[in-house]
Amino acid sequence: MREIEEAEYQQLQQMRGVLEKLNNNPKSRRDYQRALKANYPEITTDEDRLAEAPEVQRLTKLEERLEKYLDSQDKREQDAETKAAFGRLADAGYTEEGISKIQKLMVDRKIGDPEAAAALFDKTNAPVDITPSGFQPTTWGFGQPSDDPDTKLLFENEDAWAEREARKAFREG
């Protein structure tokens, strides 16, 4: 063993005091032990002892179970909310086919709200005006000349037509 000089001994004593202060001060103890663990992994720190404690392990398991339960509750609430929204769409007159198209749109566009997806669906699938066929008349034909004798009489002499219709009604009744 070699002998150390008094100045070196004093310096080592000061360093030991610093390390003891770091280890004994609650504010710096955790950081001090982490620094030691980073350089000397075989050292057991307070955190290691705490993680191995049965109470802490039990609490950790309880926390995991609670998190799973809360997640499942959130999922149930969201599912119920979504189901209610689809119910409102059905009440609003959407058919099963329309609702399935809205569901597909929700998946394709990553939309979480069925009613918002329905609004987008309605916007992108607006009803198309049916253009009249060129083979059919585009009017009701009121006031148009006709070959029907009753219609001809109506347009030529309203009073005569009305009297004839009244007589028909009296005979039938």
Protein backbone atom coordinates (compact mmCIF):
# COMPACT_ATOMS: atom_id res chain seq x y z
CA MET A 1 0.00 0.00 0.00
CA ARG A 2 1.22 3.41 -0.72
CA GLU A 3 1.07 6.29 1.61
CA ILE A 4 -0.91 9.34 0.64
CA GLU A 5 -0.03 12.85 1.42
CA GLU A 6 -2.06 15.01 3.73
CA ALA A 7 -3.36 17.25 0.89
CA GLU A 8 -4.58 14.22 -1.09
CA TYR A 9 -6.17 12.79 2.06
CA GLN A 10 -8.00 16.08 2.68
CA GLN A 11 -9.20 16.14 -0.91
CA LEU A 12 -10.49 12.55 -0.67
CA GLN A 13 -12.25 13.42 2.60
CA GLN A 14 -13.94 16.41 0.91
CA MET A 15 -15.08 14.23 -1.99
CA ARG A 16 -16.45 11.65 0.43
CA GLY A 17 -18.37 14.42 2.20
CA VAL A 18 -19.82 15.61 -1.12
CA LEU A 19 -20.92 12.07 -2.03
CA GLU A 20 -22.49 11.56 1.41
CA LYS A 21 -24.36 14.87 1.11
CA LEU A 22 -25.65 13.90 -2.34
CA ASN A 23 -26.76 10.50 -1.04
CA ASN A 24 -28.33 11.82 2.17
CA ASN A 25 -30.17 14.80 0.66
CA PRO A 26 -33.69 13.73 -0.43
CA LYS A 27 -33.63 16.23 -3.30
CA SER A 28 -30.45 14.87 -4.88
CA ARG A 29 -30.49 11.21 -3.72
CA ARG A 30 -32.48 9.85 -6.69
CA ASP A 31 -30.30 11.61 -9.28
CA TYR A 32 -27.13 10.55 -7.44
CA GLN A 33 -28.23 6.90 -7.40
CA ARG A 34 -29.24 7.02 -11.07
CA ALA A 35 -25.80 8.36 -11.98
CA LEU A 36 -24.16 5.57 -9.98
CA LYS A 37 -26.44 2.96 -11.61
CA ALA A 38 -25.53 4.26 -15.07
CA ASN A 39 -21.83 3.68 -14.34
CA TYR A 40 -22.15 0.65 -12.05
CA PRO A 41 -25.26 -1.36 -13.08
CA GLU A 42 -24.74 -3.96 -10.36
CA ILE A 43 -25.55 -1.41 -7.63
CA THR A 44 -29.01 -1.74 -6.07
CA THR A 45 -30.71 1.64 -5.77
CA ASP A 46 -33.77 2.74 -3.81
CA GLU A 47 -35.80 2.54 -7.02
CA ASP A 48 -34.70 -1.08 -7.53
CA ARG A 49 -35.73 -2.00 -3.98
CA LEU A 50 -39.03 -0.17 -4.40
CA ALA A 51 -39.84 -1.90 -7.69
CA GLU A 52 -39.27 -5.28 -6.04
CA ALA A 53 -41.56 -4.54 -3.10
CA PRO A 54 -44.73 -6.72 -3.13
CA GLU A 55 -46.97 -3.75 -2.37
CA VAL A 56 -45.64 -1.82 -5.33
CA GLN A 57 -46.04 -4.82 -7.63
CA ARG A 58 -49.62 -5.26 -6.44
CA LEU A 59 -50.34 -1.56 -7.02
CA THR A 60 -48.80 -1.77 -10.49
CA LYS A 61 -51.10 -4.69 -11.36
CA LEU A 62 -54.10 -2.79 -10.01
CA GLU A 63 -53.17 0.25 -12.06
CA GLU A 64 -52.97 -1.90 -15.20
CA ARG A 65 -56.37 -3.46 -14.48
CA LEU A 66 -57.89 -0.04 -13.80
CA GLU A 67 -56.48 1.34 -17.06
CA LYS A 68 -57.90 -1.61 -19.01
CA TYR A 69 -61.29 -1.16 -17.33
CA LEU A 70 -61.38 2.58 -18.05
CA ASP A 71 -60.36 1.95 -21.67
CA SER A 72 -63.15 -0.59 -22.08
CA GLN A 73 -65.65 1.85 -20.53
CA ASP A 74 -64.55 4.57 -22.95
CA LYS A 75 -64.90 2.14 -25.85
CA ARG A 76 -68.40 1.13 -24.69
CA GLU A 77 -69.47 4.76 -24.43
CA GLN A 78 -68.12 5.52 -27.89
CA ASP A 79 -69.84 2.44 -29.32
CA ALA A 80 -73.15 3.41 -27.71
CA GLU A 81 -72.79 6.95 -29.02
CA THR A 82 -72.05 5.68 -32.54
CA LYS A 83 -74.97 3.24 -32.40
CA ALA A 84 -77.30 6.05 -31.29
CA ALA A 85 -76.07 8.22 -34.17
CA PHE A 86 -76.81 5.43 -36.66
CA GLY A 87 -80.25 5.09 -35.03
CA ARG A 88 -80.87 8.80 -35.61
CA LEU A 89 -79.86 8.35 -39.25
CA ALA A 90 -82.32 5.47 -39.63
CA ASP A 91 -85.02 7.62 -37.99
CA ALA A 92 -84.19 10.40 -40.45
CA GLY A 93 -85.06 8.07 -43.33
CA TYR A 94 -81.73 6.56 -44.36
CA THR A 95 -82.09 2.99 -45.63
CA GLU A 96 -79.87 0.07 -44.62
CA GLU A 97 -78.10 0.40 -47.96
CA GLY A 98 -77.53 4.12 -47.37
CA ILE A 99 -76.23 3.51 -43.85
CA SER A 100 -73.81 0.85 -45.11
CA LYS A 101 -72.52 3.32 -47.71
CA ILE A 102 -72.07 5.90 -44.96
CA GLN A 103 -70.15 3.34 -42.88
CA LYS A 104 -67.88 2.63 -45.86
CA LEU A 105 -67.35 6.38 -46.29
CA MET A 106 -66.45 6.64 -42.60
CA VAL A 107 -63.78 3.96 -42.99
CA ASP A 108 -62.43 5.34 -46.26
CA ARG A 109 -62.24 8.95 -45.07
CA LYS A 110 -61.45 8.14 -41.40
CA ILE A 111 -64.52 10.00 -40.11
CA GLY A 112 -65.55 9.13 -36.56
CA ASP A 113 -68.97 10.79 -36.51
CA PRO A 114 -71.75 9.03 -38.47
CA GLU A 115 -73.80 12.22 -38.77
CA ALA A 116 -70.83 14.14 -40.18
CA ALA A 117 -70.23 11.28 -42.62
CA ALA A 118 -73.94 11.40 -43.59
CA ALA A 119 -73.63 15.13 -44.29
CA LEU A 120 -70.60 14.48 -46.50
CA PHE A 121 -72.43 11.59 -48.18
CA ASP A 122 -75.43 13.83 -48.89
CA LYS A 123 -73.17 16.57 -50.22
CA THR A 124 -71.26 14.26 -52.55
CA ASN A 125 -74.32 12.25 -53.62
CA ALA A 126 -76.86 15.00 -54.24
CA PRO A 127 -80.02 13.81 -56.00
CA VAL A 128 -79.84 14.26 -59.74
CA ASP A 129 -82.66 16.13 -61.47
CA ILE A 130 -84.39 13.86 -63.91
CA THR A 131 -84.46 15.42 -67.32
CA PRO A 132 -87.67 14.78 -69.20
CA SER A 133 -87.61 12.38 -72.08
CA GLY A 134 -87.82 13.86 -75.54
CA PHE A 135 -90.56 11.36 -76.40
CA GLN A 136 -93.04 12.52 -73.73
CA PRO A 137 -94.75 15.90 -73.38
CA THR A 138 -93.19 18.13 -70.74
CA THR A 139 -96.47 19.80 -69.68
CA TRP A 140 -99.72 18.62 -68.19
CA GLY A 141 -101.55 19.68 -71.31
CA PHE A 142 -104.08 21.98 -69.68
CA GLY A 143 -105.65 24.27 -72.25
CA GLN A 144 -104.34 22.26 -75.18
CA PRO A 145 -106.76 21.40 -77.99
CA SER A 146 -108.06 17.85 -77.73
CA ASP A 147 -110.01 15.34 -79.82
CA ASP A 148 -112.12 14.36 -76.79
CA PRO A 149 -115.69 15.67 -77.33
CA ASP A 150 -116.14 16.56 -73.63
CA THR A 151 -112.93 18.61 -73.59
CA LYS A 152 -113.86 20.32 -76.88
CA LEU A 153 -117.27 21.29 -75.47
CA LEU A 154 -115.63 22.55 -72.24
CA PHE A 155 -113.35 24.92 -74.13
CA GLU A 156 -115.99 26.00 -76.66
CA ASN A 157 -118.97 26.52 -74.30
CA GLU A 158 -118.40 26.13 -70.56
CA ASP A 159 -122.07 26.60 -69.65
CA ALA A 160 -123.29 23.88 -72.03
CA TRP A 161 -120.66 21.50 -70.71
CA ALA A 162 -121.65 22.26 -67.09
CA GLU A 163 -125.36 21.66 -67.81
CA ARG A 164 -124.63 18.36 -69.53
CA GLU A 165 -122.42 17.19 -66.62
CA ALA A 166 -125.13 18.24 -64.12
CA ARG A 167 -127.75 16.19 -65.99
CA LYS A 168 -125.43 13.17 -65.96
CA ALA A 169 -124.98 13.53 -62.22
CA PHE A 170 -128.76 13.75 -61.58
CA ARG A 171 -129.37 10.63 -63.68
CA GLU A 172 -126.69 8.65 -61.84
CA GLY A 173 -127.76 9.76 -58.41
